[in-house]
Protein backbone atom coordinates (compact mmCIF):
# COMPACT_ATOMS: atom_id res chain seq x y z
CA UNK A 1 -1.40 10.64 -10.98
CA UNK A 2 1.82 10.71 -9.12
CA UNK A 3 4.66 8.22 -9.63
CA UNK A 4 6.42 6.76 -6.68
CA UNK A 5 9.35 4.50 -6.79
CA UNK A 6 10.56 1.89 -4.34
CA UNK A 7 13.28 3.02 -2.01
CA UNK A 8 16.06 0.71 -0.43
CA UNK A 9 15.09 -1.68 2.42
CA UNK A 10 17.21 -2.93 5.31
CA UNK A 11 15.57 -5.60 7.57
CA UNK A 12 16.81 -7.27 10.61
CA UNK A 13 15.49 -9.75 13.09
CA UNK A 14 15.24 -8.88 16.67
CA UNK A 15 13.17 -11.23 19.15
CA UNK A 16 11.35 -13.02 16.37
CA UNK A 17 10.07 -9.89 14.87
CA UNK A 18 11.03 -8.29 11.61
CA UNK A 19 11.78 -4.52 11.53
CA UNK A 20 12.15 -2.68 8.31
CA UNK A 21 14.13 0.57 8.09
CA UNK A 22 13.60 2.84 5.10
CA UNK A 23 16.58 4.74 3.87
CA UNK A 24 16.18 8.03 2.20
CA UNK A 25 17.35 8.19 -1.45
CA UNK A 26 17.96 11.91 -1.68
CA UNK A 27 19.68 13.95 0.96
CA UNK A 28 17.77 17.16 -0.04
CA UNK A 29 14.38 15.85 1.28
CA UNK A 30 15.14 15.07 4.95
CA UNK A 31 11.77 16.14 6.20
CA UNK A 32 9.90 13.71 4.10
CA UNK A 33 10.31 10.07 5.37
CA UNK A 34 9.31 6.81 3.90
CA UNK A 35 7.32 4.11 5.78
CA UNK A 36 7.14 0.31 5.36
CA UNK A 37 3.93 -1.03 3.72
CA UNK A 38 3.11 -4.60 3.21
CA UNK A 39 2.10 -4.83 -0.63
CA UNK A 40 -0.44 -7.24 -1.92
CA UNK A 41 -1.39 -7.63 -5.59
CA UNK A 42 -5.12 -8.43 -5.28
CA UNK A 43 -5.79 -9.89 -8.73
CA UNK A 44 -6.86 -13.49 -8.35
CA UNK A 45 -5.07 -15.26 -6.81
CA UNK A 46 -3.65 -12.68 -4.33
CA UNK A 47 0.13 -12.39 -4.32
CA UNK A 48 2.46 -10.86 -1.68
CA UNK A 49 4.93 -8.45 -3.24
CA UNK A 50 6.78 -8.10 0.06
CA UNK A 51 7.42 -5.08 2.42
CA UNK A 52 8.21 -1.85 0.59
CA UNK A 53 8.93 1.74 1.66
CA UNK A 54 6.62 4.51 0.44
CA UNK A 55 5.75 8.04 1.45
CA UNK A 56 3.05 8.20 4.05
CA UNK A 57 0.65 10.25 1.79
CA UNK A 58 -0.23 7.42 -0.71
CA UNK A 59 -3.78 7.32 -2.03
CA UNK A 60 -6.07 5.11 -4.07
CA UNK A 61 -5.50 5.55 -7.76
CA UNK A 62 -1.77 6.52 -7.57
CA UNK A 63 0.68 4.55 -9.52
CA UNK A 64 3.69 2.88 -8.01
CA UNK A 65 6.63 0.97 -9.65
CA UNK A 66 7.84 -2.21 -7.97
CA UNK A 67 10.70 -4.23 -9.58
CA UNK A 68 9.90 -2.52 -13.04
CA UNK A 69 6.38 -3.35 -12.90
CA UNK A 70 3.88 -0.56 -12.67
CA UNK A 71 0.75 -1.08 -10.31
CA UNK A 72 -2.20 1.16 -9.32
CA UNK A 73 -3.32 1.39 -5.72
CA UNK A 74 -6.68 0.07 -4.99
CA UNK A 75 -6.69 0.29 -1.25
CA UNK A 76 -4.57 1.72 1.67
CA UNK A 77 -5.16 0.13 5.11
CA UNK A 78 -3.81 1.06 8.49
CA UNK A 79 -4.39 -1.45 11.18
CA UNK A 80 -4.07 -0.68 14.93
CA UNK A 81 -3.78 -3.04 18.01
CA UNK A 82 -4.80 -2.27 21.50
CA UNK A 83 -1.58 -2.62 23.68
CA UNK A 84 -1.48 -1.54 27.29
CA UNK A 85 -4.71 0.54 27.02
CA UNK A 86 -3.47 2.39 23.94
CA UNK A 87 -3.94 1.76 20.17
CA UNK A 88 -0.63 1.34 18.37
CA UNK A 89 -0.11 1.05 14.70
CA UNK A 90 0.40 -2.66 13.76
CA UNK A 91 0.40 -2.86 10.05
CA UNK A 92 0.28 -0.60 6.93
CA UNK A 93 -0.99 -2.43 3.78
CA UNK A 94 -1.46 -1.45 0.20
CA UNK A 95 -3.60 -3.42 -2.12
CA UNK A 96 -2.45 -2.95 -5.70
CA UNK A 97 -3.51 -4.15 -9.18
CA UNK A 98 -1.42 -3.97 -12.49
CA UNK A 99 -2.22 -0.74 -14.17
CA UNK A 100 -3.74 -2.64 -17.28
CA UNK A 101 -6.08 -4.65 -15.01
CA UNK A 102 -7.09 -1.52 -13.03
CA UNK A 103 -8.13 0.34 -16.24
CA UNK A 104 -9.98 -2.59 -17.55
CA UNK A 105 -11.93 -2.88 -14.25
CA UNK A 106 -12.97 0.73 -14.50
CA UNK A 107 -14.10 0.30 -18.12
CA UNK A 108 -16.17 -2.82 -17.04
CA UNK A 109 -17.64 -1.05 -14.10
CA UNK A 110 -18.75 1.86 -16.35
CA UNK A 111 -20.34 -0.60 -18.84
CA UNK A 112 -22.22 -2.28 -15.99
CA UNK A 113 -23.61 1.01 -14.68
CA UNK A 114 -24.79 2.05 -18.20
CA UNK A 115 -26.76 -1.29 -18.65
């Protein structure tokens, strides 16, 4: 399982839209850039954790650390919108669960399959 930490964010408002710029933490890794993701904790009730910058190759089951709390990714969603005859990326979203909750859900699912 790979660990990913949250990088710095800078946001500004331009014509009623928020844009997030992800800054690189290390100067040695200039070819690997980070992308903004909308992060939502899906345990009931769903809670937004804000917009965070992560590498583009995140997958389900990976661990991420946000504000000192460790979460496990449950789903990665890329949404596209049709504009001027072309599909353009509109949103990248991560559905996460706390790591303890994720492990408990895996255990309960295995018990359900055995019964």
